[in-house]
Amino acid sequence: MAFQEYSHTLIQAAIDQGAVNAVRFDIEDILFDPRTLLKCMFGCEDWGKGHTCPSRPNNISLREYEQMLKRYRWGVLVHAHDKRTTQRISYALESQAFAAGYYFAFSMSDCAICEECSGRDGLPCRDPRRARPAFHSVGIDVFATVRALGLPIETLSRSDQQQNWYAAVFVE
């Protein structure tokens, strides 16, 4: 199956599983900016604790993430209004793509498998097979990437505003 056709299959699967939007991206659409790490280092309570955090021991550099991710040609961006949904869908799409022969398929989403990350207590990850890093934590400018793809994202100034969560599935 041609990758353009297969991307439509994954997009429909994402929508069927509860995504608000799902769009195909080319790797050139993914905008990298190492300043994303500043937001992780200064402002995230998981810094130095979370298992999918860029501060975890033996993590690779942002440059290495960028080099690896730029080896992909395309993928699917998943949009929902809560991070559990984006993670569940992106992991399902990764599994579906893998089973279809895209053996390097890899999802990235803000980890929400557990109610509270065991890393905060210094314990091992409860589900390392499904745990994935957030794509902002590996140097991807989520705001610029999402906006360039025509999807909604804004900084929140009020607690009653609806959040937009995104996950990326790098397929081929």
N, C-alpha and C. Protein backbone atom coordinates (compact mmCIF):
# COMPACT_ATOMS: atom_id res chain seq x y z
N MET A 1 0.85 -1.18 0.00
CA MET A 1 0.00 0.00 0.00
C MET A 1 0.90 1.24 0.00
N ALA A 2 0.60 2.16 -0.89
CA ALA A 2 1.38 3.41 -0.97
C ALA A 2 1.23 4.20 0.32
N PHE A 3 2.30 4.91 0.69
CA PHE A 3 2.26 5.59 1.99
C PHE A 3 1.21 6.69 2.03
N GLN A 4 0.90 7.34 0.88
CA GLN A 4 -0.16 8.36 0.91
C GLN A 4 -1.50 7.71 1.27
N GLU A 5 -1.74 6.56 0.67
CA GLU A 5 -2.98 5.83 0.96
C GLU A 5 -2.99 5.33 2.40
N TYR A 6 -1.84 4.82 2.87
CA TYR A 6 -1.78 4.31 4.23
C TYR A 6 -1.94 5.42 5.26
N SER A 7 -1.45 6.61 4.96
CA SER A 7 -1.63 7.71 5.91
C SER A 7 -3.12 8.00 6.09
N HIS A 8 -3.92 7.86 5.04
CA HIS A 8 -5.37 8.05 5.17
C HIS A 8 -5.98 6.99 6.08
N THR A 9 -5.46 5.78 6.00
CA THR A 9 -5.93 4.69 6.87
C THR A 9 -5.66 5.04 8.34
N LEU A 10 -4.45 5.54 8.62
CA LEU A 10 -4.10 5.91 9.99
C LEU A 10 -4.91 7.11 10.48
N ILE A 11 -5.13 8.07 9.61
CA ILE A 11 -5.92 9.25 9.98
C ILE A 11 -7.34 8.82 10.34
N GLN A 12 -7.93 7.96 9.52
CA GLN A 12 -9.29 7.50 9.81
C GLN A 12 -9.32 6.70 11.11
N ALA A 13 -8.30 5.89 11.34
CA ALA A 13 -8.22 5.12 12.60
C ALA A 13 -8.16 6.06 13.79
N ALA A 14 -7.39 7.13 13.68
CA ALA A 14 -7.29 8.11 14.78
C ALA A 14 -8.64 8.75 15.06
N ILE A 15 -9.33 9.16 14.02
CA ILE A 15 -10.66 9.77 14.18
C ILE A 15 -11.63 8.76 14.79
N ASP A 16 -11.60 7.54 14.29
CA ASP A 16 -12.49 6.49 14.82
C ASP A 16 -12.23 6.21 16.30
N GLN A 17 -11.01 6.44 16.76
CA GLN A 17 -10.66 6.18 18.15
C GLN A 17 -10.85 7.40 19.06
N GLY A 18 -11.34 8.51 18.51
CA GLY A 18 -11.67 9.66 19.34
C GLY A 18 -10.85 10.91 19.15
N ALA A 19 -9.97 10.94 18.17
CA ALA A 19 -9.20 12.16 17.91
C ALA A 19 -10.12 13.24 17.37
N VAL A 20 -9.87 14.48 17.76
CA VAL A 20 -10.60 15.62 17.22
C VAL A 20 -10.15 15.87 15.79
N ASN A 21 -8.84 15.79 15.57
CA ASN A 21 -8.22 15.94 14.26
C ASN A 21 -7.07 14.96 14.16
N ALA A 22 -6.74 14.61 12.94
CA ALA A 22 -5.53 13.87 12.67
C ALA A 22 -5.10 14.27 11.26
N VAL A 23 -3.84 14.62 11.11
CA VAL A 23 -3.35 15.06 9.81
C VAL A 23 -2.00 14.40 9.52
N ARG A 24 -1.77 14.18 8.25
CA ARG A 24 -0.48 13.67 7.80
C ARG A 24 0.52 14.81 7.80
N PHE A 25 1.75 14.50 8.15
CA PHE A 25 2.81 15.50 8.03
C PHE A 25 3.98 14.89 7.27
N ASP A 26 4.73 15.75 6.61
CA ASP A 26 6.02 15.37 6.04
C ASP A 26 7.06 15.79 7.06
N ILE A 27 8.18 15.12 7.08
CA ILE A 27 9.19 15.42 8.10
C ILE A 27 9.62 16.88 8.04
N GLU A 28 9.56 17.49 6.86
CA GLU A 28 9.92 18.91 6.74
C GLU A 28 8.94 19.81 7.50
N ASP A 29 7.76 19.30 7.82
CA ASP A 29 6.76 20.07 8.57
C ASP A 29 7.07 20.13 10.06
N ILE A 30 7.94 19.26 10.53
CA ILE A 30 8.29 19.20 11.95
C ILE A 30 9.39 20.22 12.21
N LEU A 31 9.09 21.19 13.07
CA LEU A 31 10.01 22.29 13.33
C LEU A 31 10.74 22.07 14.65
N PHE A 32 12.04 22.01 14.56
CA PHE A 32 12.88 21.76 15.73
C PHE A 32 13.40 23.08 16.29
N ASP A 33 13.45 23.16 17.62
CA ASP A 33 14.01 24.33 18.29
C ASP A 33 14.47 23.88 19.67
N PRO A 34 15.76 23.93 19.95
CA PRO A 34 16.26 23.43 21.24
C PRO A 34 15.77 24.23 22.44
N ARG A 35 15.17 25.40 22.22
CA ARG A 35 14.64 26.17 23.35
C ARG A 35 13.52 25.45 24.07
N THR A 36 12.93 24.43 23.41
CA THR A 36 11.87 23.68 24.08
C THR A 36 12.36 23.08 25.39
N LEU A 37 13.64 22.74 25.43
CA LEU A 37 14.21 22.15 26.64
C LEU A 37 14.17 23.12 27.82
N LEU A 38 14.27 24.41 27.55
CA LEU A 38 14.17 25.39 28.64
C LEU A 38 12.84 25.30 29.36
N LYS A 39 11.76 25.07 28.59
CA LYS A 39 10.43 24.97 29.21
C LYS A 39 10.32 23.69 30.04
N CYS A 40 11.07 22.66 29.64
CA CYS A 40 11.09 21.44 30.44
C CYS A 40 11.90 21.65 31.73
N MET A 41 13.07 22.24 31.57
CA MET A 41 13.97 22.42 32.71
C MET A 41 13.41 23.36 33.76
N PHE A 42 12.77 24.41 33.30
CA PHE A 42 12.30 25.44 34.22
C PHE A 42 10.79 25.58 34.08
N GLY A 43 10.07 24.82 34.86
CA GLY A 43 8.63 24.92 34.83
C GLY A 43 7.91 23.59 34.88
N CYS A 44 8.61 22.51 34.62
CA CYS A 44 7.95 21.20 34.66
C CYS A 44 8.33 20.48 35.94
N GLU A 45 7.34 20.06 36.68
CA GLU A 45 7.59 19.39 37.96
C GLU A 45 8.15 17.97 37.78
N ASP A 46 8.11 17.44 36.56
CA ASP A 46 8.67 16.11 36.30
C ASP A 46 10.16 16.14 35.98
N TRP A 47 10.74 17.34 35.80
CA TRP A 47 12.15 17.43 35.43
C TRP A 47 13.00 16.67 36.45
N GLY A 48 13.80 15.77 35.93
CA GLY A 48 14.67 14.97 36.80
C GLY A 48 13.97 13.79 37.44
N LYS A 49 12.70 13.58 37.12
CA LYS A 49 11.94 12.50 37.76
C LYS A 49 11.25 11.58 36.77
N GLY A 50 10.55 12.16 35.80
CA GLY A 50 9.73 11.36 34.88
C GLY A 50 10.56 10.43 34.01
N HIS A 51 10.02 9.25 33.76
CA HIS A 51 10.73 8.25 32.97
C HIS A 51 10.83 8.62 31.49
N THR A 52 9.94 9.45 31.00
CA THR A 52 10.01 9.87 29.60
C THR A 52 10.58 11.27 29.46
N CYS A 53 11.09 11.79 30.55
CA CYS A 53 11.62 13.15 30.61
C CYS A 53 13.01 13.21 29.97
N PRO A 54 13.34 14.32 29.30
CA PRO A 54 14.68 14.44 28.72
C PRO A 54 15.79 14.50 29.77
N SER A 55 15.43 14.65 31.03
CA SER A 55 16.44 14.70 32.10
C SER A 55 16.76 13.33 32.65
N ARG A 56 16.10 12.29 32.17
CA ARG A 56 16.34 10.96 32.73
C ARG A 56 17.78 10.52 32.44
N PRO A 57 18.33 9.66 33.27
CA PRO A 57 19.71 9.20 33.08
C PRO A 57 19.88 8.52 31.71
N ASN A 58 21.04 8.73 31.12
CA ASN A 58 21.41 8.11 29.85
C ASN A 58 20.55 8.56 28.66
N ASN A 59 19.87 9.67 28.79
CA ASN A 59 19.08 10.18 27.67
C ASN A 59 20.01 10.72 26.60
N ILE A 60 19.56 10.67 25.37
CA ILE A 60 20.36 11.21 24.28
C ILE A 60 20.11 12.70 24.15
N SER A 61 20.94 13.37 23.38
CA SER A 61 20.83 14.83 23.24
C SER A 61 19.71 15.21 22.27
N LEU A 62 19.30 16.47 22.33
CA LEU A 62 18.30 16.97 21.39
C LEU A 62 18.78 16.82 19.96
N ARG A 63 20.04 17.06 19.73
CA ARG A 63 20.61 16.92 18.38
C ARG A 63 20.48 15.49 17.88
N GLU A 64 20.73 14.52 18.77
CA GLU A 64 20.59 13.11 18.37
C GLU A 64 19.14 12.76 18.08
N TYR A 65 18.21 13.28 18.89
CA TYR A 65 16.78 13.07 18.59
C TYR A 65 16.44 13.63 17.21
N GLU A 66 16.89 14.85 16.95
CA GLU A 66 16.59 15.48 15.66
C GLU A 66 17.16 14.66 14.51
N GLN A 67 18.39 14.19 14.65
CA GLN A 67 18.99 13.38 13.59
C GLN A 67 18.20 12.10 13.35
N MET A 68 17.76 11.45 14.41
CA MET A 68 16.97 10.22 14.25
C MET A 68 15.62 10.51 13.61
N LEU A 69 14.93 11.51 14.13
CA LEU A 69 13.59 11.80 13.64
C LEU A 69 13.60 12.28 12.19
N LYS A 70 14.65 12.96 11.79
CA LYS A 70 14.73 13.43 10.41
C LYS A 70 14.99 12.29 9.41
N ARG A 71 15.22 11.10 9.91
CA ARG A 71 15.34 9.93 9.03
C ARG A 71 13.96 9.45 8.56
N TYR A 72 12.91 9.87 9.26
CA TYR A 72 11.54 9.56 8.83
C TYR A 72 11.17 10.47 7.67
N ARG A 73 10.20 10.05 6.88
CA ARG A 73 9.70 10.87 5.78
C ARG A 73 8.34 11.49 6.09
N TRP A 74 7.53 10.77 6.87
CA TRP A 74 6.17 11.24 7.14
C TRP A 74 5.62 10.60 8.41
N GLY A 75 4.48 11.12 8.82
CA GLY A 75 3.80 10.58 9.99
C GLY A 75 2.42 11.20 10.11
N VAL A 76 1.82 11.00 11.26
CA VAL A 76 0.46 11.51 11.52
C VAL A 76 0.47 12.25 12.85
N LEU A 77 -0.11 13.44 12.84
CA LEU A 77 -0.27 14.25 14.04
C LEU A 77 -1.68 14.02 14.56
N VAL A 78 -1.80 13.72 15.85
CA VAL A 78 -3.09 13.42 16.48
C VAL A 78 -3.44 14.55 17.45
N HIS A 79 -4.67 15.03 17.36
CA HIS A 79 -5.15 16.13 18.21
C HIS A 79 -6.36 15.65 18.99
N ALA A 80 -6.35 15.91 20.30
CA ALA A 80 -7.49 15.65 21.17
C ALA A 80 -7.47 16.70 22.28
N HIS A 81 -8.45 16.65 23.14
CA HIS A 81 -8.53 17.64 24.21
C HIS A 81 -8.03 17.13 25.56
N ASP A 82 -7.47 15.92 25.59
CA ASP A 82 -6.80 15.46 26.81
C ASP A 82 -5.64 14.56 26.41
N LYS A 83 -4.61 14.56 27.23
CA LYS A 83 -3.39 13.87 26.84
C LYS A 83 -3.51 12.35 26.90
N ARG A 84 -4.37 11.82 27.74
CA ARG A 84 -4.57 10.36 27.76
C ARG A 84 -5.09 9.87 26.42
N THR A 85 -6.01 10.64 25.84
CA THR A 85 -6.56 10.25 24.55
C THR A 85 -5.49 10.30 23.46
N THR A 86 -4.70 11.36 23.44
CA THR A 86 -3.66 11.44 22.40
C THR A 86 -2.65 10.31 22.56
N GLN A 87 -2.29 9.98 23.80
CA GLN A 87 -1.32 8.91 23.99
C GLN A 87 -1.91 7.55 23.59
N ARG A 88 -3.13 7.30 24.00
CA ARG A 88 -3.76 6.01 23.67
C ARG A 88 -3.85 5.84 22.15
N ILE A 89 -4.30 6.88 21.46
CA ILE A 89 -4.45 6.80 20.01
C ILE A 89 -3.10 6.70 19.32
N SER A 90 -2.14 7.51 19.73
CA SER A 90 -0.85 7.48 19.05
C SER A 90 -0.16 6.13 19.22
N TYR A 91 -0.27 5.54 20.39
CA TYR A 91 0.33 4.22 20.58
C TYR A 91 -0.39 3.17 19.73
N ALA A 92 -1.72 3.27 19.64
CA ALA A 92 -2.48 2.34 18.80
C ALA A 92 -2.08 2.48 17.33
N LEU A 93 -1.88 3.72 16.87
CA LEU A 93 -1.45 3.94 15.49
C LEU A 93 -0.04 3.40 15.26
N GLU A 94 0.83 3.59 16.24
CA GLU A 94 2.18 3.02 16.12
C GLU A 94 2.10 1.51 15.96
N SER A 95 1.30 0.86 16.78
CA SER A 95 1.15 -0.60 16.72
C SER A 95 0.56 -1.03 15.39
N GLN A 96 -0.44 -0.30 14.91
CA GLN A 96 -1.09 -0.61 13.64
C GLN A 96 -0.09 -0.47 12.49
N ALA A 97 0.68 0.60 12.49
CA ALA A 97 1.66 0.82 11.43
C ALA A 97 2.75 -0.25 11.47
N PHE A 98 3.19 -0.61 12.66
CA PHE A 98 4.20 -1.66 12.81
C PHE A 98 3.69 -2.96 12.21
N ALA A 99 2.45 -3.33 12.54
CA ALA A 99 1.85 -4.57 12.02
C ALA A 99 1.69 -4.53 10.51
N ALA A 100 1.58 -3.32 9.94
CA ALA A 100 1.44 -3.17 8.49
C ALA A 100 2.79 -3.15 7.78
N GLY A 101 3.87 -3.33 8.53
CA GLY A 101 5.19 -3.40 7.92
C GLY A 101 6.05 -2.17 8.11
N TYR A 102 5.52 -1.14 8.73
CA TYR A 102 6.30 0.07 9.01
C TYR A 102 7.00 -0.14 10.36
N TYR A 103 8.04 -0.96 10.34
CA TYR A 103 8.65 -1.44 11.58
C TYR A 103 9.36 -0.38 12.41
N PHE A 104 9.64 0.79 11.82
CA PHE A 104 10.25 1.87 12.59
C PHE A 104 9.20 2.85 13.15
N ALA A 105 7.93 2.59 12.97
CA ALA A 105 6.88 3.49 13.47
C ALA A 105 7.13 3.76 14.95
N PHE A 106 6.96 5.04 15.33
CA PHE A 106 7.23 5.43 16.71
C PHE A 106 6.34 6.60 17.09
N SER A 107 5.61 6.43 18.18
CA SER A 107 4.72 7.51 18.64
C SER A 107 5.40 8.33 19.73
N MET A 108 5.05 9.59 19.76
CA MET A 108 5.54 10.49 20.80
C MET A 108 4.35 11.27 21.33
N SER A 109 4.19 11.22 22.63
CA SER A 109 3.08 11.93 23.26
C SER A 109 3.46 12.21 24.69
N ASP A 110 2.80 13.14 25.29
CA ASP A 110 3.06 13.44 26.69
C ASP A 110 2.52 12.26 27.50
N CYS A 111 3.40 11.53 28.18
CA CYS A 111 3.03 10.29 28.84
C CYS A 111 1.92 10.51 29.88
N ALA A 112 0.90 9.68 29.76
CA ALA A 112 -0.24 9.76 30.69
C ALA A 112 -0.77 8.36 31.01
N ILE A 113 0.11 7.38 30.96
CA ILE A 113 -0.32 6.01 31.21
C ILE A 113 -0.79 5.85 32.65
N CYS A 114 0.01 6.34 33.58
CA CYS A 114 -0.29 6.17 35.01
C CYS A 114 -0.89 7.46 35.58
N GLU A 115 -1.66 7.32 36.62
CA GLU A 115 -2.20 8.51 37.30
C GLU A 115 -1.07 9.41 37.76
N GLU A 116 -0.02 8.79 38.32
CA GLU A 116 1.16 9.53 38.74
C GLU A 116 2.39 8.71 38.38
N CYS A 117 3.35 9.36 37.76
CA CYS A 117 4.57 8.69 37.32
C CYS A 117 5.34 8.13 38.52
N SER A 118 5.70 6.86 38.44
CA SER A 118 6.47 6.23 39.53
C SER A 118 7.86 6.85 39.66
N GLY A 119 8.32 7.52 38.61
CA GLY A 119 9.61 8.18 38.66
C GLY A 119 9.67 9.26 39.72
N ARG A 120 8.53 9.85 40.02
CA ARG A 120 8.50 10.88 41.08
C ARG A 120 8.90 10.31 42.43
N ASP A 121 8.68 9.00 42.60
CA ASP A 121 9.06 8.33 43.85
C ASP A 121 10.36 7.56 43.70
N GLY A 122 11.06 7.75 42.58
CA GLY A 122 12.32 7.06 42.36
C GLY A 122 12.17 5.60 42.01
N LEU A 123 10.97 5.19 41.59
CA LEU A 123 10.71 3.79 41.25
C LEU A 123 10.77 3.57 39.74
N PRO A 124 10.97 2.33 39.31
CA PRO A 124 11.01 2.05 37.87
C PRO A 124 9.66 2.33 37.19
N CYS A 125 9.72 2.55 35.90
CA CYS A 125 8.51 2.78 35.10
C CYS A 125 7.62 1.54 35.17
N ARG A 126 6.33 1.76 35.35
CA ARG A 126 5.37 0.66 35.43
C ARG A 126 5.05 0.06 34.07
N ASP A 127 5.26 0.82 33.00
CA ASP A 127 4.90 0.34 31.66
C ASP A 127 5.90 0.86 30.62
N PRO A 128 7.17 0.44 30.73
CA PRO A 128 8.19 0.98 29.83
C PRO A 128 7.96 0.64 28.36
N ARG A 129 7.21 -0.39 28.09
CA ARG A 129 6.94 -0.76 26.69
C ARG A 129 6.10 0.29 25.98
N ARG A 130 5.16 0.90 26.69
CA ARG A 130 4.28 1.90 26.07
C ARG A 130 4.66 3.34 26.38
N ALA A 131 5.51 3.56 27.36
CA ALA A 131 5.90 4.93 27.73
C ALA A 131 6.64 5.59 26.57
N ARG A 132 6.25 6.80 26.25
CA ARG A 132 6.87 7.54 25.14
C ARG A 132 7.13 8.97 25.58
N PRO A 133 8.19 9.59 25.04
CA PRO A 133 8.45 10.99 25.37
C PRO A 133 7.47 11.92 24.67
N ALA A 134 7.27 13.06 25.27
CA ALA A 134 6.50 14.12 24.62
C ALA A 134 7.35 14.67 23.50
N PHE A 135 6.73 15.02 22.39
CA PHE A 135 7.57 15.48 21.30
C PHE A 135 8.11 16.87 21.52
N HIS A 136 7.58 17.64 22.44
CA HIS A 136 8.23 18.91 22.78
C HIS A 136 9.51 18.67 23.59
N SER A 137 9.57 17.56 24.31
CA SER A 137 10.73 17.29 25.16
C SER A 137 11.95 16.81 24.38
N VAL A 138 11.79 16.57 23.09
CA VAL A 138 12.92 16.13 22.27
C VAL A 138 13.34 17.22 21.28
N GLY A 139 12.86 18.45 21.52
CA GLY A 139 13.30 19.58 20.72
C GLY A 139 12.36 19.99 19.60
N ILE A 140 11.14 19.51 19.62
CA ILE A 140 10.17 19.88 18.58
C ILE A 140 9.33 21.04 19.09
N ASP A 141 9.25 22.10 18.30
CA ASP A 141 8.40 23.25 18.62
C ASP A 141 6.98 22.88 18.25
N VAL A 142 6.23 22.42 19.23
CA VAL A 142 4.86 21.94 18.99
C VAL A 142 3.98 23.08 18.49
N PHE A 143 4.09 24.25 19.10
CA PHE A 143 3.24 25.37 18.69
C PHE A 143 3.44 25.72 17.22
N ALA A 144 4.69 25.91 16.81
CA ALA A 144 4.97 26.28 15.42
C ALA A 144 4.58 25.16 14.45
N THR A 145 4.86 23.92 14.83
CA THR A 145 4.53 22.78 13.97
C THR A 145 3.02 22.66 13.78
N VAL A 146 2.29 22.71 14.87
CA VAL A 146 0.84 22.55 14.83
C VAL A 146 0.19 23.71 14.06
N ARG A 147 0.62 24.91 14.33
CA ARG A 147 0.06 26.07 13.62
C ARG A 147 0.31 25.98 12.12
N ALA A 148 1.51 25.55 11.73
CA ALA A 148 1.84 25.43 10.31
C ALA A 148 0.97 24.38 9.62
N LEU A 149 0.49 23.42 10.38
CA LEU A 149 -0.39 22.39 9.83
C LEU A 149 -1.86 22.79 9.90
N GLY A 150 -2.12 24.01 10.37
CA GLY A 150 -3.48 24.54 10.40
C GLY A 150 -4.35 24.05 11.53
N LEU A 151 -3.74 23.57 12.61
CA LEU A 151 -4.50 23.06 13.74
C LEU A 151 -4.47 24.07 14.90
N PRO A 152 -5.45 24.01 15.79
CA PRO A 152 -5.53 24.99 16.88
C PRO A 152 -4.57 24.69 18.02
N ILE A 153 -3.94 25.75 18.50
CA ILE A 153 -3.13 25.66 19.71
C ILE A 153 -2.87 27.09 20.18
N GLU A 154 -3.08 27.32 21.45
CA GLU A 154 -2.87 28.64 22.06
C GLU A 154 -2.34 28.43 23.47
N THR A 155 -1.63 29.42 23.97
CA THR A 155 -1.28 29.38 25.38
C THR A 155 -2.56 29.66 26.16
N LEU A 156 -2.69 29.03 27.29
CA LEU A 156 -3.91 29.19 28.09
C LEU A 156 -3.73 30.29 29.11
N SER A 157 -4.71 31.16 29.20
CA SER A 157 -4.64 32.24 30.17
C SER A 157 -5.71 32.11 31.26
N ARG A 158 -6.65 31.19 31.03
CA ARG A 158 -7.72 30.96 32.01
C ARG A 158 -7.88 29.46 32.22
N SER A 159 -8.26 29.07 33.41
CA SER A 159 -8.40 27.65 33.72
C SER A 159 -9.62 27.02 33.03
N ASP A 160 -10.55 27.82 32.54
CA ASP A 160 -11.74 27.26 31.89
C ASP A 160 -11.56 27.07 30.38
N GLN A 161 -10.37 27.39 29.85
CA GLN A 161 -10.13 27.21 28.42
C GLN A 161 -9.87 25.73 28.11
N GLN A 162 -10.35 25.31 26.95
CA GLN A 162 -10.15 23.93 26.53
C GLN A 162 -8.72 23.74 26.03
N GLN A 163 -8.07 22.70 26.52
CA GLN A 163 -6.71 22.42 26.11
C GLN A 163 -6.69 21.65 24.80
N ASN A 164 -5.63 21.83 24.05
CA ASN A 164 -5.38 21.07 22.83
C ASN A 164 -4.11 20.27 23.06
N TRP A 165 -4.24 18.95 23.01
CA TRP A 165 -3.10 18.06 23.20
C TRP A 165 -2.76 17.41 21.87
N TYR A 166 -1.47 17.22 21.65
CA TYR A 166 -1.01 16.64 20.39
C TYR A 166 -0.03 15.51 20.64
N ALA A 167 -0.09 14.54 19.76
CA ALA A 167 0.88 13.44 19.72
C ALA A 167 1.30 13.28 18.27
N ALA A 168 2.51 12.83 18.07
CA ALA A 168 3.00 12.60 16.71
C ALA A 168 3.37 11.11 16.58
N VAL A 169 2.99 10.55 15.46
CA VAL A 169 3.38 9.18 15.14
C VAL A 169 4.27 9.26 13.91
N PHE A 170 5.54 9.01 14.10
CA PHE A 170 6.49 9.00 12.99
C PHE A 170 6.41 7.61 12.38
N VAL A 171 6.08 7.55 11.09
CA VAL A 171 5.78 6.25 10.48
C VAL A 171 6.91 5.74 9.59
N GLU A 172 7.29 6.51 8.62
CA GLU A 172 8.30 6.01 7.67
C GLU A 172 9.26 7.11 7.25
